PDB file of N, CA and C in Angstrom:
ATOM      1  N   UNK A   1      15.377  24.320 -19.443  1.00  0.00           N
ATOM      2  CA  UNK A   1      14.411  24.400 -18.495  1.00  0.00           C
ATOM      3  C   UNK A   1      15.228  25.026 -17.722  1.00  0.00           C
ATOM      4  N   UNK A   2      13.525  26.325 -17.421  1.00  0.00           N
ATOM      5  CA  UNK A   2      14.049  27.171 -16.448  1.00  0.00           C
ATOM      6  C   UNK A   2      12.438  26.466 -15.084  1.00  0.00           C
ATOM      7  N   UNK A   3      12.397  26.340 -14.248  1.00  0.00           N
ATOM      8  CA  UNK A   3      12.474  25.792 -12.281  1.00  0.00           C
ATOM      9  C   UNK A   3      12.775  27.287 -11.130  1.00  0.00           C
ATOM     10  N   UNK A   4      11.762  28.391 -11.357  1.00  0.00           N
ATOM     11  CA  UNK A   4      12.289  29.058 -10.255  1.00  0.00           C
ATOM     12  C   UNK A   4      13.379  29.683 -10.381  1.00  0.00           C
ATOM     13  N   UNK A   5      13.266  30.133 -11.144  1.00  0.00           N
ATOM     14  CA  UNK A   5      14.737  30.890 -11.517  1.00  0.00           C
ATOM     15  C   UNK A   5      15.553  30.693 -11.873  1.00  0.00           C
ATOM     16  N   UNK A   6      15.839  28.626 -11.917  1.00  0.00           N
ATOM     17  CA  UNK A   6      17.163  28.295 -12.230  1.00  0.00           C
ATOM     18  C   UNK A   6      16.385  27.471 -13.009  1.00  0.00           C
ATOM     19  N   UNK A   7      17.702  27.441 -14.408  1.00  0.00           N
ATOM     20  CA  UNK A   7      18.288  26.965 -15.549  1.00  0.00           C
ATOM     21  C   UNK A   7      18.768  26.098 -15.450  1.00  0.00           C
ATOM     22  N   UNK A   8      18.486  25.058 -16.119  1.00  0.00           N
ATOM     23  CA  UNK A   8      18.682  23.813 -15.913  1.00  0.00           C
ATOM     24  C   UNK A   8      18.822  22.910 -17.349  1.00  0.00           C
ATOM     25  N   UNK A   9      20.136  22.145 -17.917  1.00  0.00           N
ATOM     26  CA  UNK A   9      20.419  22.131 -19.256  1.00  0.00           C
ATOM     27  C   UNK A   9      19.983  20.573 -18.992  1.00  0.00           C
ATOM     28  N   UNK A  10      19.946  20.336 -19.329  1.00  0.00           N
ATOM     29  CA  UNK A  10      19.256  18.831 -19.636  1.00  0.00           C
ATOM     30  C   UNK A  10      18.828  18.193 -21.173  1.00  0.00           C
ATOM     31  N   UNK A  11      19.635  17.271 -20.659  1.00  0.00           N
ATOM     32  CA  UNK A  11      20.176  16.341 -22.916  1.00  0.00           C
ATOM     33  C   UNK A  11      18.493  15.360 -22.423  1.00  0.00           C
ATOM     34  N   UNK A  12      17.717  16.092 -23.156  1.00  0.00           N
ATOM     35  CA  UNK A  12      16.431  15.590 -23.432  1.00  0.00           C
ATOM     36  C   UNK A  12      16.194  14.291 -24.424  1.00  0.00           C
ATOM     37  N   UNK A  13      16.996  14.230 -25.311  1.00  0.00           N
ATOM     38  CA  UNK A  13      17.195  12.642 -26.166  1.00  0.00           C
ATOM     39  C   UNK A  13      18.573  11.657 -24.717  1.00  0.00           C
ATOM     40  N   UNK A  14      19.282  12.371 -24.026  1.00  0.00           N
ATOM     41  CA  UNK A  14      19.653  11.158 -23.478  1.00  0.00           C
ATOM     42  C   UNK A  14      19.338  10.557 -22.764  1.00  0.00           C
ATOM     43  N   UNK A  15      17.039  10.725 -21.910  1.00  0.00           N
ATOM     44  CA  UNK A  15      16.517  10.914 -20.824  1.00  0.00           C
ATOM     45  C   UNK A  15      15.583   9.324 -21.154  1.00  0.00           C
ATOM     46  N   UNK A  16      16.578   8.379 -21.374  1.00  0.00           N
ATOM     47  CA  UNK A  16      15.822   7.336 -21.803  1.00  0.00           C
ATOM     48  C   UNK A  16      14.590   6.677 -20.385  1.00  0.00           C
ATOM     49  N   UNK A  17      13.678   5.911 -21.408  1.00  0.00           N
ATOM     50  CA  UNK A  17      12.965   5.620 -20.475  1.00  0.00           C
ATOM     51  C   UNK A  17      13.164   4.700 -19.260  1.00  0.00           C
ATOM     52  N   UNK A  18      12.688   4.590 -18.132  1.00  0.00           N
ATOM     53  CA  UNK A  18      13.809   3.987 -16.836  1.00  0.00           C
ATOM     54  C   UNK A  18      14.548   5.655 -15.738  1.00  0.00           C
ATOM     55  N   UNK A  19      15.269   6.266 -16.734  1.00  0.00           N
ATOM     56  CA  UNK A  19      16.225   7.151 -16.420  1.00  0.00           C
ATOM     57  C   UNK A  19      15.057   8.316 -15.348  1.00  0.00           C
ATOM     58  N   UNK A  20      16.074   9.086 -14.010  1.00  0.00           N
ATOM     59  CA  UNK A  20      15.492   9.931 -13.081  1.00  0.00           C
ATOM     60  C   UNK A  20      16.167  11.300 -13.393  1.00  0.00           C
ATOM     61  N   UNK A  21      15.285  12.256 -13.149  1.00  0.00           N
ATOM     62  CA  UNK A  21      16.058  13.630 -12.408  1.00  0.00           C
ATOM     63  C   UNK A  21      15.515  14.464 -11.298  1.00  0.00           C
ATOM     64  N   UNK A  22      15.999  15.165 -10.020  1.00  0.00           N
ATOM     65  CA  UNK A  22      15.734  15.095  -9.123  1.00  0.00           C
ATOM     66  C   UNK A  22      15.908  16.534  -9.708  1.00  0.00           C
ATOM     67  N   UNK A  23      14.670  17.994  -9.233  1.00  0.00           N
ATOM     68  CA  UNK A  23      14.571  18.901  -9.100  1.00  0.00           C
ATOM     69  C   UNK A  23      14.288  19.373  -8.374  1.00  0.00           C
ATOM     70  N   UNK A  24      15.717  20.378  -7.209  1.00  0.00           N
ATOM     71  CA  UNK A  24      15.008  20.643  -6.070  1.00  0.00           C
ATOM     72  C   UNK A  24      13.648  22.317  -6.186  1.00  0.00           C
ATOM     73  N   UNK A  25      12.247  22.736  -5.833  1.00  0.00           N
ATOM     74  CA  UNK A  25      12.272  23.672  -5.913  1.00  0.00           C
ATOM     75  C   UNK A  25      11.310  23.735  -4.812  1.00  0.00           C
ATOM     76  N   UNK A  26      10.626  24.364  -3.985  1.00  0.00           N
ATOM     77  CA  UNK A  26       9.535  24.990  -2.840  1.00  0.00           C
ATOM     78  C   UNK A  26       8.230  24.770  -3.714  1.00  0.00           C
ATOM     79  N   UNK A  27       8.282  25.364  -4.818  1.00  0.00           N
ATOM     80  CA  UNK A  27       6.655  25.695  -5.239  1.00  0.00           C
ATOM     81  C   UNK A  27       6.425  25.073  -6.037  1.00  0.00           C
ATOM     82  N   UNK A  28       5.461  23.486  -5.311  1.00  0.00           N
ATOM     83  CA  UNK A  28       5.962  22.296  -6.337  1.00  0.00           C
ATOM     84  C   UNK A  28       5.211  22.296  -7.594  1.00  0.00           C
ATOM     85  N   UNK A  29       3.773  23.090  -7.397  1.00  0.00           N
ATOM     86  CA  UNK A  29       2.643  22.695  -8.039  1.00  0.00           C
ATOM     87  C   UNK A  29       3.474  23.567  -9.270  1.00  0.00           C
ATOM     88  N   UNK A  30       4.095  24.787  -9.817  1.00  0.00           N
ATOM     89  CA  UNK A  30       3.826  25.767  -9.891  1.00  0.00           C
ATOM     90  C   UNK A  30       5.651  24.924 -11.516  1.00  0.00           C
ATOM     91  N   UNK A  31       6.118  24.140 -10.390  1.00  0.00           N
ATOM     92  CA  UNK A  31       6.966  23.832 -11.069  1.00  0.00           C
ATOM     93  C   UNK A  31       6.913  22.612 -11.485  1.00  0.00           C
ATOM     94  N   UNK A  32       5.941  21.667 -11.406  1.00  0.00           N
ATOM     95  CA  UNK A  32       5.475  20.529 -12.157  1.00  0.00           C
ATOM     96  C   UNK A  32       4.898  21.853 -13.306  1.00  0.00           C
ATOM     97  N   UNK A  33       3.565  22.602 -13.642  1.00  0.00           N
ATOM     98  CA  UNK A  33       3.573  23.532 -14.471  1.00  0.00           C
ATOM     99  C   UNK A  33       4.927  23.925 -15.749  1.00  0.00           C
ATOM    100  N   UNK A  34       5.953  23.901 -15.392  1.00  0.00           N
ATOM    101  CA  UNK A  34       6.935  25.134 -15.937  1.00  0.00           C
ATOM    102  C   UNK A  34       7.810  23.402 -16.579  1.00  0.00           C
ATOM    103  N   UNK A  35       7.913  23.319 -16.274  1.00  0.00           N
ATOM    104  CA  UNK A  35       8.714  20.915 -16.137  1.00  0.00           C
ATOM    105  C   UNK A  35       7.169  20.791 -18.384  1.00  0.00           C
ATOM    106  N   UNK A  36       6.980  20.878 -17.102  1.00  0.00           N
ATOM    107  CA  UNK A  36       4.977  19.810 -18.562  1.00  0.00           C
ATOM    108  C   UNK A  36       5.262  20.584 -19.522  1.00  0.00           C
ATOM    109  N   UNK A  37       6.004  22.179 -19.814  1.00  0.00           N
ATOM    110  CA  UNK A  37       5.764  23.025 -21.088  1.00  0.00           C
ATOM    111  C   UNK A  37       6.956  22.775 -21.812  1.00  0.00           C
ATOM    112  N   UNK A  38       7.551  22.307 -21.137  1.00  0.00           N
ATOM    113  CA  UNK A  38       9.099  21.789 -21.969  1.00  0.00           C
ATOM    114  C   UNK A  38       8.692  19.926 -22.876  1.00  0.00           C
ATOM    115  N   UNK A  39       8.620  18.905 -21.696  1.00  0.00           N
ATOM    116  CA  UNK A  39       7.869  18.143 -21.844  1.00  0.00           C
ATOM    117  C   UNK A  39       6.543  17.960 -22.608  1.00  0.00           C
ATOM    118  N   UNK A  40       5.554  18.674 -23.153  1.00  0.00           N
ATOM    119  CA  UNK A  40       4.738  18.037 -23.673  1.00  0.00           C
ATOM    120  C   UNK A  40       4.521  18.679 -25.410  1.00  0.00           C
ATOM    121  N   UNK A  41       6.067  19.857 -25.261  1.00  0.00           N
ATOM    122  CA  UNK A  41       6.208  19.848 -26.392  1.00  0.00           C
ATOM    123  C   UNK A  41       6.885  19.092 -27.045  1.00  0.00           C
ATOM    124  N   UNK A  42       8.344  18.267 -26.092  1.00  0.00           N
ATOM    125  CA  UNK A  42       8.663  17.400 -27.152  1.00  0.00           C
ATOM    126  C   UNK A  42       8.072  16.363 -26.348  1.00  0.00           C
ATOM    127  N   UNK A  43       7.054  15.817 -26.208  1.00  0.00           N
ATOM    128  CA  UNK A  43       6.193  14.624 -26.284  1.00  0.00           C
ATOM    129  C   UNK A  43       6.345  14.035 -25.747  1.00  0.00           C
ATOM    130  N   UNK A  44       7.764  14.461 -24.629  1.00  0.00           N
ATOM    131  CA  UNK A  44       8.053  12.855 -23.177  1.00  0.00           C
ATOM    132  C   UNK A  44       7.451  12.840 -22.171  1.00  0.00           C
ATOM    133  N   UNK A  45       7.301  11.632 -22.033  1.00  0.00           N
ATOM    134  CA  UNK A  45       5.895  10.414 -21.285  1.00  0.00           C
ATOM    135  C   UNK A  45       6.873  10.768 -19.547  1.00  0.00           C
ATOM    136  N   UNK A  46       6.286  11.499 -18.705  1.00  0.00           N
ATOM    137  CA  UNK A  46       7.713  10.931 -17.421  1.00  0.00           C
ATOM    138  C   UNK A  46       5.700  11.119 -16.477  1.00  0.00           C
ATOM    139  N   UNK A  47       6.684  10.732 -15.931  1.00  0.00           N
ATOM    140  CA  UNK A  47       5.475  10.493 -14.155  1.00  0.00           C
ATOM    141  C   UNK A  47       5.966  11.201 -13.022  1.00  0.00           C
ATOM    142  N   UNK A  48       5.756  11.730 -12.571  1.00  0.00           N
ATOM    143  CA  UNK A  48       6.485  13.045 -10.894  1.00  0.00           C
ATOM    144  C   UNK A  48       6.109  13.477 -10.281  1.00  0.00           C
ATOM    145  N   UNK A  49       7.291  12.931  -8.999  1.00  0.00           N
ATOM    146  CA  UNK A  49       6.148  13.103  -7.785  1.00  0.00           C
ATOM    147  C   UNK A  49       7.320  13.983  -7.455  1.00  0.00           C
ATOM    148  N   UNK A  50       6.276  14.356  -5.663  1.00  0.00           N
ATOM    149  CA  UNK A  50       6.841  15.574  -4.534  1.00  0.00           C
ATOM    150  C   UNK A  50       7.506  14.717  -3.859  1.00  0.00           C
ATOM    151  N   UNK A  51       9.406  14.256  -3.552  1.00  0.00           N
ATOM    152  CA  UNK A  51       9.501  14.057  -2.226  1.00  0.00           C
ATOM    153  C   UNK A  51      10.709  15.188  -1.725  1.00  0.00           C
ATOM    154  N   UNK A  52      11.111  14.454  -0.618  1.00  0.00           N
ATOM    155  CA  UNK A  52      11.902  14.898   0.853  1.00  0.00           C
ATOM    156  C   UNK A  52      13.426  14.343   0.156  1.00  0.00           C
ATOM    157  N   UNK A  53      14.713  14.552  -0.436  1.00  0.00           N
ATOM    158  CA  UNK A  53      16.109  13.879  -0.623  1.00  0.00           C
ATOM    159  C   UNK A  53      17.421  14.605  -0.284  1.00  0.00           C
ATOM    160  N   UNK A  54      17.806  13.815   1.214  1.00  0.00           N
ATOM    161  CA  UNK A  54      18.356  14.639   2.157  1.00  0.00           C
ATOM    162  C   UNK A  54      18.233  16.034   2.644  1.00  0.00           C
ATOM    163  N   UNK A  55      16.885  16.378   2.651  1.00  0.00           N
ATOM    164  CA  UNK A  55      15.671  17.186   3.378  1.00  0.00           C
ATOM    165  C   UNK A  55      15.984  18.566   2.413  1.00  0.00           C
ATOM    166  N   UNK A  56      15.883  18.055   1.050  1.00  0.00           N
ATOM    167  CA  UNK A  56      15.333  19.348   0.170  1.00  0.00           C
ATOM    168  C   UNK A  56      14.420  19.126   0.096  1.00  0.00           C
ATOM    169  N   UNK A  57      13.460  19.084   0.031  1.00  0.00           N
ATOM    170  CA  UNK A  57      12.212  19.248  -1.329  1.00  0.00           C
ATOM    171  C   UNK A  57      11.953  19.594  -2.920  1.00  0.00           C
ATOM    172  N   UNK A  58      11.327  18.800  -3.689  1.00  0.00           N
ATOM    173  CA  UNK A  58      12.035  18.870  -4.741  1.00  0.00           C
ATOM    174  C   UNK A  58      10.572  18.017  -5.804  1.00  0.00           C
ATOM    175  N   UNK A  59      11.128  17.350  -6.619  1.00  0.00           N
ATOM    176  CA  UNK A  59      10.354  16.840  -7.721  1.00  0.00           C
ATOM    177  C   UNK A  59      11.063  16.146  -8.264  1.00  0.00           C
ATOM    178  N   UNK A  60      10.837  15.114  -8.632  1.00  0.00           N
ATOM    179  CA  UNK A  60      11.314  13.822  -8.379  1.00  0.00           C
ATOM    180  C   UNK A  60      10.917  12.969  -9.858  1.00  0.00           C
ATOM    181  N   UNK A  61      11.689  13.280 -10.982  1.00  0.00           N
ATOM    182  CA  UNK A  61      10.713  12.859 -12.353  1.00  0.00           C
ATOM    183  C   UNK A  61      11.427  12.269 -13.092  1.00  0.00           C
ATOM    184  N   UNK A  62      10.793  10.685 -13.380  1.00  0.00           N
ATOM    185  CA  UNK A  62      10.828   9.311 -13.814  1.00  0.00           C
ATOM    186  C   UNK A  62      10.607   9.227 -16.289  1.00  0.00           C
ATOM    187  N   UNK A  63      11.130   9.048 -16.929  1.00  0.00           N
ATOM    188  CA  UNK A  63      10.990   9.384 -17.741  1.00  0.00           C
ATOM    189  C   UNK A  63      10.348   7.472 -17.887  1.00  0.00           C
ATOM    190  N   UNK A  64       9.469   8.008 -18.414  1.00  0.00           N
ATOM    191  CA  UNK A  64       8.257   6.310 -18.347  1.00  0.00           C
ATOM    192  C   UNK A  64       8.436   5.989 -20.548  1.00  0.00           C
TER     193      UNK A  64
END
Protein backbone atom coordinates (compact mmCIF):
# COMPACT_ATOMS: atom_id res chain seq x y z
CA UNK A 1 0.00 0.00 0.00
CA UNK A 2 1.38 3.43 -0.91
CA UNK A 3 0.29 6.60 0.92
CA UNK A 4 1.82 9.97 0.08
CA UNK A 5 4.68 8.27 -1.81
CA UNK A 6 5.58 6.08 1.19
CA UNK A 7 5.16 2.32 0.82
CA UNK A 8 3.66 0.40 3.74
CA UNK A 9 3.89 -3.38 3.93
CA UNK A 10 0.77 -4.58 5.74
CA UNK A 11 0.02 -8.27 6.07
CA UNK A 12 -3.73 -7.96 5.58
CA UNK A 13 -4.18 -11.71 6.25
CA UNK A 14 -3.04 -11.17 9.85
CA UNK A 15 -4.98 -7.90 10.25
CA UNK A 16 -7.84 -9.39 12.28
CA UNK A 17 -11.06 -7.64 13.38
CA UNK A 18 -10.31 -5.34 16.30
CA UNK A 19 -6.72 -4.66 15.19
CA UNK A 20 -5.69 -1.15 14.17
CA UNK A 21 -2.82 0.64 12.47
CA UNK A 22 -1.76 4.28 12.34
CA UNK A 23 -0.76 5.81 9.01
CA UNK A 24 0.81 9.27 9.30
CA UNK A 25 -0.26 11.66 6.53
CA UNK A 26 -0.80 15.32 5.73
CA UNK A 27 -3.53 15.07 3.08
CA UNK A 28 -6.02 12.88 4.91
CA UNK A 29 -8.65 12.86 2.16
CA UNK A 30 -6.21 11.54 -0.46
CA UNK A 31 -4.77 9.04 2.02
CA UNK A 32 -8.23 7.61 2.75
CA UNK A 33 -8.83 7.07 -0.96
CA UNK A 34 -5.45 5.39 -1.46
CA UNK A 35 -6.11 3.03 1.46
CA UNK A 36 -9.67 2.27 0.35
CA UNK A 37 -8.50 1.23 -3.13
CA UNK A 38 -6.55 -1.62 -1.55
CA UNK A 39 -9.19 -2.53 1.02
CA UNK A 40 -12.05 -2.59 -1.51
CA UNK A 41 -10.05 -4.95 -3.71
CA UNK A 42 -9.42 -7.25 -0.74
CA UNK A 43 -13.02 -6.84 0.53
CA UNK A 44 -11.86 -5.81 4.01
CA UNK A 45 -14.20 -3.63 6.08
CA UNK A 46 -12.60 -0.91 8.18
CA UNK A 47 -13.39 2.24 10.14
CA UNK A 48 -11.04 5.20 9.70
CA UNK A 49 -10.65 8.27 11.88
CA UNK A 50 -8.38 11.29 11.57
CA UNK A 51 -6.29 11.49 14.74
CA UNK A 52 -3.21 13.18 16.13
CA UNK A 53 -0.90 10.77 17.93
CA UNK A 54 2.22 12.08 19.67
CA UNK A 55 1.88 15.30 17.68
CA UNK A 56 1.59 13.54 14.31
CA UNK A 57 -1.56 13.83 12.18
CA UNK A 58 -2.74 10.70 10.41
CA UNK A 59 -5.34 7.99 9.99
CA UNK A 60 -6.16 5.36 12.58
CA UNK A 61 -7.61 2.36 10.72
CA UNK A 62 -9.54 -0.34 12.59
CA UNK A 63 -10.69 -3.59 11.02
CA UNK A 64 -14.32 -4.47 11.78
